[in-house]
């Protein structure tokens, strides 16, 4: 009887060890296939570095990631210590600038004058939380969550819901 219990216990332990090993392998695989590559091995294109140096003097990178988002052409994401997030394409051109806090605003120098004038005139008291350059124009998010679409010339198209 004692031998049977010992054999059964060994089989149970082998199956348990095999199951735990399988779970560990799955977890390691899932983490290694993450879409974001964070860390020091991410290198921004020179154009992106020049933009950050010229436009955000004194700010430091808090987080630098490689995102590889083919749908939106976003390749790199930088979050600065001043609460601004900038996303760049593979060539180092910025494609989105966003205040990390929903009520925060981005510097107005990144918003085309016609768009800034439209927002100032029609949305008094609201700031611009983010600007994204798309193939056919700009998408602006205001600090109250309203999304506005503009063409490449800065002409208002619609409120995007």
C-alpha atoms as a PDB file:
ATOM      1  CA  UNK A   1       0.000   0.000   0.000  1.00  0.00           C
ATOM      2  CA  UNK A   2       2.847   2.329   0.887  1.00  0.00           C
ATOM      3  CA  UNK A   3       4.508   1.727  -2.511  1.00  0.00           C
ATOM      4  CA  UNK A   4       1.279   2.520  -4.372  1.00  0.00           C
ATOM      5  CA  UNK A   5       0.923   5.834  -2.513  1.00  0.00           C
ATOM      6  CA  UNK A   6       4.553   6.660  -3.234  1.00  0.00           C
ATOM      7  CA  UNK A   7       4.141   5.929  -6.972  1.00  0.00           C
ATOM      8  CA  UNK A   8       0.893   7.930  -7.118  1.00  0.00           C
ATOM      9  CA  UNK A   9       2.553  10.832  -5.317  1.00  0.00           C
ATOM     10  CA  UNK A  10       5.501  10.776  -7.769  1.00  0.00           C
ATOM     11  CA  UNK A  11       3.150  10.812 -10.772  1.00  0.00           C
ATOM     12  CA  UNK A  12       1.212  13.695  -9.246  1.00  0.00           C
ATOM     13  CA  UNK A  13       4.406  15.665  -8.617  1.00  0.00           C
ATOM     14  CA  UNK A  14       5.627  15.039 -12.195  1.00  0.00           C
ATOM     15  CA  UNK A  15       2.323  16.271 -13.627  1.00  0.00           C
ATOM     16  CA  UNK A  16       2.328  19.287 -11.308  1.00  0.00           C
ATOM     17  CA  UNK A  17       5.900  20.163 -12.251  1.00  0.00           C
ATOM     18  CA  UNK A  18       5.117  19.753 -15.954  1.00  0.00           C
ATOM     19  CA  UNK A  19       2.011  21.956 -15.624  1.00  0.00           C
ATOM     20  CA  UNK A  20       3.891  24.683 -13.759  1.00  0.00           C
ATOM     21  CA  UNK A  21       6.710  24.580 -16.323  1.00  0.00           C
ATOM     22  CA  UNK A  22       4.177  24.979 -19.116  1.00  0.00           C
ATOM     23  CA  UNK A  23       2.556  27.969 -17.372  1.00  0.00           C
ATOM     24  CA  UNK A  24       5.952  29.575 -16.838  1.00  0.00           C
ATOM     25  CA  UNK A  25       6.857  29.100 -20.514  1.00  0.00           C
ATOM     26  CA  UNK A  26       3.563  30.676 -21.607  1.00  0.00           C
ATOM     27  CA  UNK A  27       4.094  33.646 -19.274  1.00  0.00           C
ATOM     28  CA  UNK A  28       7.633  34.220 -20.546  1.00  0.00           C
ATOM     29  CA  UNK A  29       6.458  33.997 -24.166  1.00  0.00           C
ATOM     30  CA  UNK A  30       3.608  36.455 -23.553  1.00  0.00           C
ATOM     31  CA  UNK A  31       5.909  39.013 -21.946  1.00  0.00           C
ATOM     32  CA  UNK A  32       8.563  38.672 -24.636  1.00  0.00           C
ATOM     33  CA  UNK A  33       5.973  39.314 -27.368  1.00  0.00           C
ATOM     34  CA  UNK A  34       4.828  42.596 -25.861  1.00  0.00           C
ATOM     35  CA  UNK A  35       4.103  45.310 -28.429  1.00  0.00           C
ATOM     36  CA  UNK A  36       6.120  47.930 -26.551  1.00  0.00           C
ATOM     37  CA  UNK A  37       9.892  47.783 -26.259  1.00  0.00           C
ATOM     38  CA  UNK A  38      10.780  49.866 -23.237  1.00  0.00           C
ATOM     39  CA  UNK A  39      14.231  50.628 -22.042  1.00  0.00           C
ATOM     40  CA  UNK A  40      17.582  51.968 -22.933  1.00  0.00           C
ATOM     41  CA  UNK A  41      17.941  50.011 -26.179  1.00  0.00           C
ATOM     42  CA  UNK A  42      15.337  52.203 -27.944  1.00  0.00           C
ATOM     43  CA  UNK A  43      17.020  54.853 -30.093  1.00  0.00           C
ATOM     44  CA  UNK A  44      15.023  57.777 -31.449  1.00  0.00           C
ATOM     45  CA  UNK A  45      15.745  58.996 -34.977  1.00  0.00           C
ATOM     46  CA  UNK A  46      17.961  62.091 -35.077  1.00  0.00           C
ATOM     47  CA  UNK A  47      15.085  64.261 -36.309  1.00  0.00           C
ATOM     48  CA  UNK A  48      13.000  63.347 -33.239  1.00  0.00           C
ATOM     49  CA  UNK A  49      15.911  64.104 -30.901  1.00  0.00           C
ATOM     50  CA  UNK A  50      16.459  67.468 -32.585  1.00  0.00           C
ATOM     51  CA  UNK A  51      12.755  68.286 -32.260  1.00  0.00           C
ATOM     52  CA  UNK A  52      12.733  67.441 -28.547  1.00  0.00           C
ATOM     53  CA  UNK A  53      15.890  69.447 -27.886  1.00  0.00           C
ATOM     54  CA  UNK A  54      14.614  72.510 -29.760  1.00  0.00           C
ATOM     55  CA  UNK A  55      10.978  72.432 -28.635  1.00  0.00           C
ATOM     56  CA  UNK A  56      11.172  71.188 -25.053  1.00  0.00           C
ATOM     57  CA  UNK A  57      14.306  72.753 -23.607  1.00  0.00           C
ATOM     58  CA  UNK A  58      14.905  71.650 -20.037  1.00  0.00           C
ATOM     59  CA  UNK A  59      12.435  68.751 -20.167  1.00  0.00           C
ATOM     60  CA  UNK A  60      13.648  65.232 -19.613  1.00  0.00           C
ATOM     61  CA  UNK A  61      12.400  61.956 -21.069  1.00  0.00           C
ATOM     62  CA  UNK A  62      10.582  59.984 -18.407  1.00  0.00           C
ATOM     63  CA  UNK A  63       9.626  57.109 -20.683  1.00  0.00           C
ATOM     64  CA  UNK A  64      10.794  56.130 -24.145  1.00  0.00           C
ATOM     65  CA  UNK A  65       9.054  53.280 -25.979  1.00  0.00           C
ATOM     66  CA  UNK A  66       8.993  51.743 -29.406  1.00  0.00           C
ATOM     67  CA  UNK A  67       5.345  51.050 -30.268  1.00  0.00           C
ATOM     68  CA  UNK A  68       5.327  49.863 -33.916  1.00  0.00           C
ATOM     69  CA  UNK A  69       1.690  50.743 -34.595  1.00  0.00           C
ATOM     70  CA  UNK A  70       1.272  50.160 -38.341  1.00  0.00           C
ATOM     71  CA  UNK A  71      -2.319  51.407 -38.370  1.00  0.00           C
ATOM     72  CA  UNK A  72      -1.405  54.927 -37.231  1.00  0.00           C
ATOM     73  CA  UNK A  73       2.234  54.952 -38.413  1.00  0.00           C
ATOM     74  CA  UNK A  74       3.405  55.562 -34.846  1.00  0.00           C
ATOM     75  CA  UNK A  75       6.800  54.079 -34.068  1.00  0.00           C
ATOM     76  CA  UNK A  76       8.106  55.861 -30.981  1.00  0.00           C
ATOM     77  CA  UNK A  77       6.507  57.335 -27.870  1.00  0.00           C
ATOM     78  CA  UNK A  78       8.221  59.767 -25.522  1.00  0.00           C
ATOM     79  CA  UNK A  79       6.710  60.984 -22.256  1.00  0.00           C
ATOM     80  CA  UNK A  80       8.384  64.070 -20.818  1.00  0.00           C
ATOM     81  CA  UNK A  81       8.646  65.126 -17.191  1.00  0.00           C
ATOM     82  CA  UNK A  82       6.357  68.102 -17.924  1.00  0.00           C
ATOM     83  CA  UNK A  83       3.407  65.791 -18.672  1.00  0.00           C
ATOM     84  CA  UNK A  84       3.576  65.957 -22.476  1.00  0.00           C
ATOM     85  CA  UNK A  85       3.563  62.798 -24.606  1.00  0.00           C
ATOM     86  CA  UNK A  86       4.929  62.949 -28.158  1.00  0.00           C
ATOM     87  CA  UNK A  87       4.585  60.153 -30.684  1.00  0.00           C
ATOM     88  CA  UNK A  88       6.865  59.975 -33.727  1.00  0.00           C
ATOM     89  CA  UNK A  89       6.828  58.051 -37.002  1.00  0.00           C
ATOM     90  CA  UNK A  90       9.785  55.941 -38.143  1.00  0.00           C
ATOM     91  CA  UNK A  91      11.482  58.986 -39.696  1.00  0.00           C
ATOM     92  CA  UNK A  92      11.278  61.062 -36.508  1.00  0.00           C
ATOM     93  CA  UNK A  93       8.364  63.317 -37.524  1.00  0.00           C
ATOM     94  CA  UNK A  94       5.922  63.958 -34.709  1.00  0.00           C
ATOM     95  CA  UNK A  95       2.455  62.560 -35.386  1.00  0.00           C
ATOM     96  CA  UNK A  96       0.784  63.293 -32.056  1.00  0.00           C
ATOM     97  CA  UNK A  97       1.397  65.619 -29.131  1.00  0.00           C
ATOM     98  CA  UNK A  98      -0.762  65.113 -26.068  1.00  0.00           C
ATOM     99  CA  UNK A  99      -0.989  66.361 -22.505  1.00  0.00           C
ATOM    100  CA  UNK A 100      -0.958  63.208 -20.380  1.00  0.00           C
ATOM    101  CA  UNK A 101      -3.551  64.619 -17.984  1.00  0.00           C
ATOM    102  CA  UNK A 102      -6.952  64.957 -19.660  1.00  0.00           C
ATOM    103  CA  UNK A 103      -7.342  68.538 -18.446  1.00  0.00           C
ATOM    104  CA  UNK A 104      -3.801  69.536 -19.413  1.00  0.00           C
ATOM    105  CA  UNK A 105      -2.972  71.521 -22.512  1.00  0.00           C
ATOM    106  CA  UNK A 106      -0.239  71.264 -25.101  1.00  0.00           C
ATOM    107  CA  UNK A 107       1.898  74.261 -26.090  1.00  0.00           C
ATOM    108  CA  UNK A 108       0.031  76.300 -28.708  1.00  0.00           C
ATOM    109  CA  UNK A 109       3.121  76.540 -30.935  1.00  0.00           C
ATOM    110  CA  UNK A 110       2.350  73.043 -32.289  1.00  0.00           C
ATOM    111  CA  UNK A 111      -1.170  73.956 -33.411  1.00  0.00           C
ATOM    112  CA  UNK A 112      -1.585  75.601 -36.835  1.00  0.00           C
ATOM    113  CA  UNK A 113      -2.784  79.213 -36.501  1.00  0.00           C
ATOM    114  CA  UNK A 114      -6.110  78.643 -38.316  1.00  0.00           C
ATOM    115  CA  UNK A 115      -6.981  75.779 -35.975  1.00  0.00           C
ATOM    116  CA  UNK A 116      -5.950  77.748 -32.900  1.00  0.00           C
ATOM    117  CA  UNK A 117      -8.057  80.718 -34.060  1.00  0.00           C
ATOM    118  CA  UNK A 118     -11.086  78.447 -34.652  1.00  0.00           C
ATOM    119  CA  UNK A 119     -10.814  76.852 -31.200  1.00  0.00           C
ATOM    120  CA  UNK A 120     -10.350  80.239 -29.516  1.00  0.00           C
ATOM    121  CA  UNK A 121     -13.408  81.662 -31.279  1.00  0.00           C
ATOM    122  CA  UNK A 122     -15.802  78.708 -30.954  1.00  0.00           C
ATOM    123  CA  UNK A 123     -14.673  77.026 -27.724  1.00  0.00           C
ATOM    124  CA  UNK A 124     -13.930  79.931 -25.399  1.00  0.00           C
ATOM    125  CA  UNK A 125     -12.222  78.877 -22.189  1.00  0.00           C
ATOM    126  CA  UNK A 126     -11.155  75.442 -23.426  1.00  0.00           C
ATOM    127  CA  UNK A 127      -7.629  74.387 -24.207  1.00  0.00           C
ATOM    128  CA  UNK A 128      -6.218  71.871 -26.638  1.00  0.00           C
ATOM    129  CA  UNK A 129      -5.342  68.580 -24.951  1.00  0.00           C
ATOM    130  CA  UNK A 130      -3.886  66.876 -28.034  1.00  0.00           C
ATOM    131  CA  UNK A 131      -3.179  67.274 -31.724  1.00  0.00           C
ATOM    132  CA  UNK A 132      -2.689  64.401 -34.141  1.00  0.00           C
ATOM    133  CA  UNK A 133      -1.589  64.670 -37.754  1.00  0.00           C
ATOM    134  CA  UNK A 134      -3.461  62.227 -39.963  1.00  0.00           C
ATOM    135  CA  UNK A 135      -3.203  61.575 -43.715  1.00  0.00           C
ATOM    136  CA  UNK A 136      -6.148  63.859 -44.460  1.00  0.00           C
ATOM    137  CA  UNK A 137      -5.786  66.491 -41.752  1.00  0.00           C
ATOM    138  CA  UNK A 138      -5.647  67.107 -38.025  1.00  0.00           C
ATOM    139  CA  UNK A 139      -7.597  65.710 -35.114  1.00  0.00           C
ATOM    140  CA  UNK A 140      -7.758  67.951 -32.069  1.00  0.00           C
ATOM    141  CA  UNK A 141      -9.002  66.945 -28.628  1.00  0.00           C
ATOM    142  CA  UNK A 142     -10.127  69.749 -26.342  1.00  0.00           C
ATOM    143  CA  UNK A 143      -9.800  69.717 -22.568  1.00  0.00           C
ATOM    144  CA  UNK A 144     -13.506  68.849 -22.214  1.00  0.00           C
ATOM    145  CA  UNK A 145     -13.049  65.736 -24.390  1.00  0.00           C
ATOM    146  CA  UNK A 146     -14.536  67.178 -27.601  1.00  0.00           C
ATOM    147  CA  UNK A 147     -12.778  65.941 -30.756  1.00  0.00           C
ATOM    148  CA  UNK A 148     -12.560  68.251 -33.762  1.00  0.00           C
ATOM    149  CA  UNK A 149     -11.433  67.350 -37.287  1.00  0.00           C
ATOM    150  CA  UNK A 150      -9.665  69.815 -39.592  1.00  0.00           C
ATOM    151  CA  UNK A 151      -8.266  69.402 -43.096  1.00  0.00           C
ATOM    152  CA  UNK A 152      -4.571  69.893 -43.844  1.00  0.00           C
ATOM    153  CA  UNK A 153      -5.166  73.627 -44.435  1.00  0.00           C
ATOM    154  CA  UNK A 154      -6.691  74.036 -40.958  1.00  0.00           C
ATOM    155  CA  UNK A 155     -10.299  74.349 -42.192  1.00  0.00           C
ATOM    156  CA  UNK A 156     -12.843  72.936 -39.728  1.00  0.00           C
ATOM    157  CA  UNK A 157     -14.600  69.787 -40.985  1.00  0.00           C
ATOM    158  CA  UNK A 158     -16.654  68.370 -38.124  1.00  0.00           C
ATOM    159  CA  UNK A 159     -17.005  67.486 -34.473  1.00  0.00           C
ATOM    160  CA  UNK A 160     -15.839  63.879 -34.261  1.00  0.00           C
ATOM    161  CA  UNK A 161     -17.765  61.652 -31.886  1.00  0.00           C
END
